[in-house]
Amino acid sequence: MAEPMKNSYGPDVPKAIAASIVAVYADFDTKRFLKLALDGYEDLELTPRGKQIATALGETLPADRTEAMEILLASFGPVLEGDDLGGIEGFFYMPHGYFVAEFGLDDFDSAMRFQAELTKRFTAEFSIRAFWENHPEQTLAQAHEWTADPDEHVRRLVSEGSRPRLPWSGQLKAFIADPAPVVELLEKLKNDPSEYVRRSVANNLNDIAKDHPDVVVATARRWWPTANADERRMIRHGLRSLIKAGNLDALDILGFGPSSPAKVVGVVIEPNKVAIGEKVRVSVTLSNPSTKPAGALVDLVVHFVKADGSTSPKVFKGKELQLAPGDEAEFAKSISVAQHSTRKHYPGEHVVEVQLNGAVVPGASFTLT
């Protein structure tokens, strides 16, 4: 079992933060800071530890928050290398993000400069959300400037920090209601040379699709014709939730629309009687009876029996295939019927359907004993 991350974020972290500050600000009250930061520290989880350190910084750095941010900026170590700054080394700066979100709102320019540097060492995608909520017009203007920043981490801060439904963070309700300002930002980043940024653009599109699928479909349809291979992968990733849900318009953009002549000609499940804890293998045979190439996006829909005898469908991601005229192809997938913490299995007949290019067609069934 993995060791809790908080165990790697012990009392040495606030001590190291204090040392970094003293190196640039000799008047820092280390003793008081550590007393505040470490009060009940061992009983706190990771995030509360970071927030408590930030509060201690707020109590011990100068009351002039502009001066406080300048001191913290001067204390920053070198920029961390690589795309993933979420390692424990980067988490050193977690309290700095909480600090700017709570204490930096009254000096917008300093706070933006602070976060542009913070995101090169850890992340500012969470702290920037306080500014989207409290200074939306100024933050939007700054975000447009950052889309042309030479540093990929700053550009990614634009796309990741403006996600309407960023995981482990509060929602940006204004963008859930109207994503148009976010789409304008993504327009400037869709051709970004960094995959790190493009994947963030895709995640933002996927967020928007949860509330405005029509906006994302229209955006993807506009981008697709001139997109290169990298950009098409980004668009496809941004459409993933719509594709899984069988959205016909999203499928059509990728060439898997209703006009595709691909057909399901056979479904075999082996074994057709299986005990809980084992696996079944579902094989689907596809054909293209036409004289033109056919795209086939095939997923499986398993109707799992519930405790009361009713069923609940679950979509299992399948495969994308291209069939030549007159060609056949097979897709196979093993499905576990072991007990999981997120899914309990019960005896009975389980119907398996095939979702081909967004249309559900009959398949076969297996009996779970």
Foldseek 3Di string as FASTA:
>chain_A
DDDAPVVVVDLVLLVVLQVLLCVQPVPFPSVQLSCQLCVVLVVDHDLVSLQSSLVSLCVGADVPVLNSLVSSVSSDDDFDDDLALADPQLCSCSNVLSNCLVRVQVPVVSSVVSQLRSLRRHHNLASCLSCCVVPVVVSLVVLLVQCPPPDPSSVLSSLSSQQQCRPPHDGPVVCLVPVVSSVVSLVSCLPPPDLSNLLSSLVSLLSNCVRCVVVLLVSLLVPLPPDDPSSVVSSCSSCVVVVLQLPQSSLVSVQQHPPFQKDWDAWDKPPQEEEQFAKIKIKIKIWRQAQAKGKKFKWKWKFAQDPVRHTDIDIGGWDIDIAHHGGMDMTMDMDHRYQDPVDHHDWDKMFMWMQISSRTDGHGIGTYD
